[in-house]
Amino acid sequence: MTQTIVEEKIFIQNELLHEIEEEKQVIIHCQMIADEYSNAARIWPSTYIIDNQSGQRNQLLFADGITMYPTWTYIKEFSSLNFTLIFGGLPKSCKSFDLVEIIPQAGGFEYRKIPRNKSDVYHINLD
């Protein structure tokens, strides 16, 4: 019995491609390390990634491993807190972006000029 392999071409409408593009996400794995003193952390819903080229802001969609404001996550001395933040996708033109927690007090997360990569998955250490 012989087999024939047939290649099919799939065509996708431009409108659907645009919708697929909008479904991209940016995943940021974060680590905070406590020194000889215990520490605490929390994330505010007013946390964004901001495209350095266009100024577009993407709000935090989901956080895992850290509590949301107003509840604190405690970090024992000499240990670390690992957590993940998920944001909506950045525009194709984005070359770098900032991670900024905009809050009405001092001490918000800020990590500037994160170079964009193809996977949109990042690992950062927050001080």
Protein backbone atom coordinates (compact mmCIF):
# COMPACT_ATOMS: atom_id res chain seq x y z
CA MET A 1 0.00 0.00 0.00
CA THR A 2 1.45 3.36 -1.00
CA GLN A 3 0.77 6.57 0.83
CA THR A 4 0.56 10.01 -0.62
CA ILE A 5 1.35 13.02 1.53
CA VAL A 6 -0.68 16.04 0.60
CA GLU A 7 0.33 19.47 1.85
CA GLU A 8 -2.48 21.84 2.53
CA LYS A 9 -2.16 25.57 2.66
CA ILE A 10 -4.06 27.35 5.34
CA PHE A 11 -5.20 30.90 4.82
CA ILE A 12 -6.09 33.14 7.74
CA GLN A 13 -7.97 36.38 7.33
CA ASN A 14 -6.05 39.51 8.36
CA GLU A 15 -8.70 40.36 10.95
CA LEU A 16 -8.10 37.03 12.69
CA LEU A 17 -4.34 37.55 12.64
CA HIS A 18 -4.87 40.90 14.37
CA GLU A 19 -6.96 39.21 17.07
CA ILE A 20 -4.27 36.57 17.59
CA GLU A 21 -1.68 39.33 17.99
CA GLU A 22 -3.79 40.96 20.69
CA GLU A 23 -3.90 37.71 22.68
CA LYS A 24 -0.15 37.75 23.37
CA GLN A 25 0.97 38.08 26.95
CA VAL A 26 4.10 39.28 28.69
CA ILE A 27 5.22 37.08 31.58
CA ILE A 28 7.65 38.44 34.14
CA HIS A 29 9.15 36.09 36.73
CA CYS A 30 10.40 38.16 39.67
CA GLN A 31 12.61 37.45 42.63
CA MET A 32 13.04 39.52 45.80
CA ILE A 33 15.70 38.54 48.32
CA ALA A 34 15.60 39.49 51.99
CA ASP A 35 18.93 40.13 53.67
CA GLU A 36 19.55 39.71 57.40
CA TYR A 37 16.22 41.44 58.04
CA SER A 38 12.84 40.04 57.14
CA ASN A 39 10.98 41.92 54.44
CA ALA A 40 7.50 42.16 52.98
CA ALA A 41 6.09 42.71 49.51
CA ARG A 42 2.77 43.13 47.78
CA ILE A 43 1.70 44.14 44.30
CA TRP A 44 -0.77 46.87 43.49
CA PRO A 45 -3.33 46.54 40.69
CA SER A 46 -1.86 49.80 39.36
CA THR A 47 1.21 47.97 38.05
CA TYR A 48 2.04 48.39 34.36
CA ILE A 49 4.51 47.59 31.68
CA ILE A 50 5.14 50.68 29.58
CA ASP A 51 6.51 50.52 26.03
CA ASN A 52 9.53 52.84 25.84
CA GLN A 53 8.84 53.60 22.17
CA SER A 54 5.10 54.33 22.08
CA GLY A 55 4.32 54.97 25.75
CA GLN A 56 1.55 52.33 25.64
CA ARG A 57 0.65 51.05 29.11
CA ASN A 58 -0.45 47.48 29.75
CA GLN A 59 -2.01 46.86 33.15
CA LEU A 60 -1.31 43.86 35.32
CA LEU A 61 -3.71 41.01 34.45
CA PHE A 62 -2.66 38.37 36.97
CA ALA A 63 -0.15 37.82 39.78
CA ASP A 64 0.93 34.48 41.23
CA GLY A 65 3.05 33.97 44.35
CA ILE A 66 2.55 37.45 45.79
CA THR A 67 -0.41 39.07 47.50
CA MET A 68 -2.32 42.03 46.11
CA TYR A 69 -2.57 45.34 47.95
CA PRO A 70 -3.44 45.79 50.82
CA THR A 71 -2.25 42.35 52.04
CA TRP A 72 1.48 41.80 52.58
CA THR A 73 3.54 38.70 51.72
CA TYR A 74 6.31 38.27 54.29
CA ILE A 75 9.81 37.20 53.31
CA LYS A 76 11.96 35.59 56.02
CA GLU A 77 15.49 36.87 56.49
CA PHE A 78 18.01 35.29 54.10
CA SER A 79 15.26 33.87 51.87
CA SER A 80 13.61 34.91 48.65
CA LEU A 81 10.16 35.48 47.27
CA ASN A 82 9.55 34.28 43.73
CA PHE A 83 6.43 35.45 41.94
CA THR A 84 5.04 35.86 38.43
CA LEU A 85 3.28 38.83 36.84
CA ILE A 86 1.26 38.56 33.63
CA PHE A 87 0.43 41.52 31.39
CA GLY A 88 -1.24 42.01 28.02
CA GLY A 89 0.98 41.87 24.94
CA LEU A 90 3.26 44.67 23.79
CA PRO A 91 3.11 46.14 20.28
CA LYS A 92 5.43 44.64 17.66
CA SER A 93 7.36 47.91 17.48
CA CYS A 94 8.39 47.69 21.17
CA LYS A 95 12.16 47.33 21.67
CA SER A 96 12.22 47.86 25.47
CA PHE A 97 9.78 48.55 28.27
CA ASP A 98 9.54 49.56 31.92
CA LEU A 99 7.87 47.65 34.75
CA VAL A 100 6.32 50.30 37.01
CA GLU A 101 4.05 50.08 40.03
CA ILE A 102 2.26 53.43 40.23
CA ILE A 103 1.23 53.91 43.85
CA PRO A 104 0.44 56.85 46.16
CA GLN A 105 3.46 56.20 48.39
CA ALA A 106 7.19 55.55 48.15
CA GLY A 107 8.59 52.10 47.47
CA GLY A 108 6.77 50.94 44.32
CA PHE A 109 8.46 48.44 42.00
CA GLU A 110 10.39 50.04 39.16
CA TYR A 111 12.51 48.16 36.70
CA ARG A 112 13.49 50.26 33.69
CA LYS A 113 14.57 49.62 30.11
CA ILE A 114 13.91 45.88 29.98
CA PRO A 115 15.12 44.76 26.53
CA ARG A 116 12.38 43.02 24.57
CA ASN A 117 12.91 39.39 23.59
CA LYS A 118 11.06 37.10 21.18
CA SER A 119 9.44 34.93 23.85
CA ASP A 120 8.10 37.84 25.99
CA VAL A 121 9.10 35.86 29.09
CA TYR A 122 11.45 37.69 31.46
CA HIS A 123 13.32 37.00 34.71
CA ILE A 124 14.21 39.96 36.91
CA ASN A 125 15.54 40.55 40.42
CA LEU A 126 13.81 43.35 42.28
CA ASP A 127 15.80 45.18 44.93
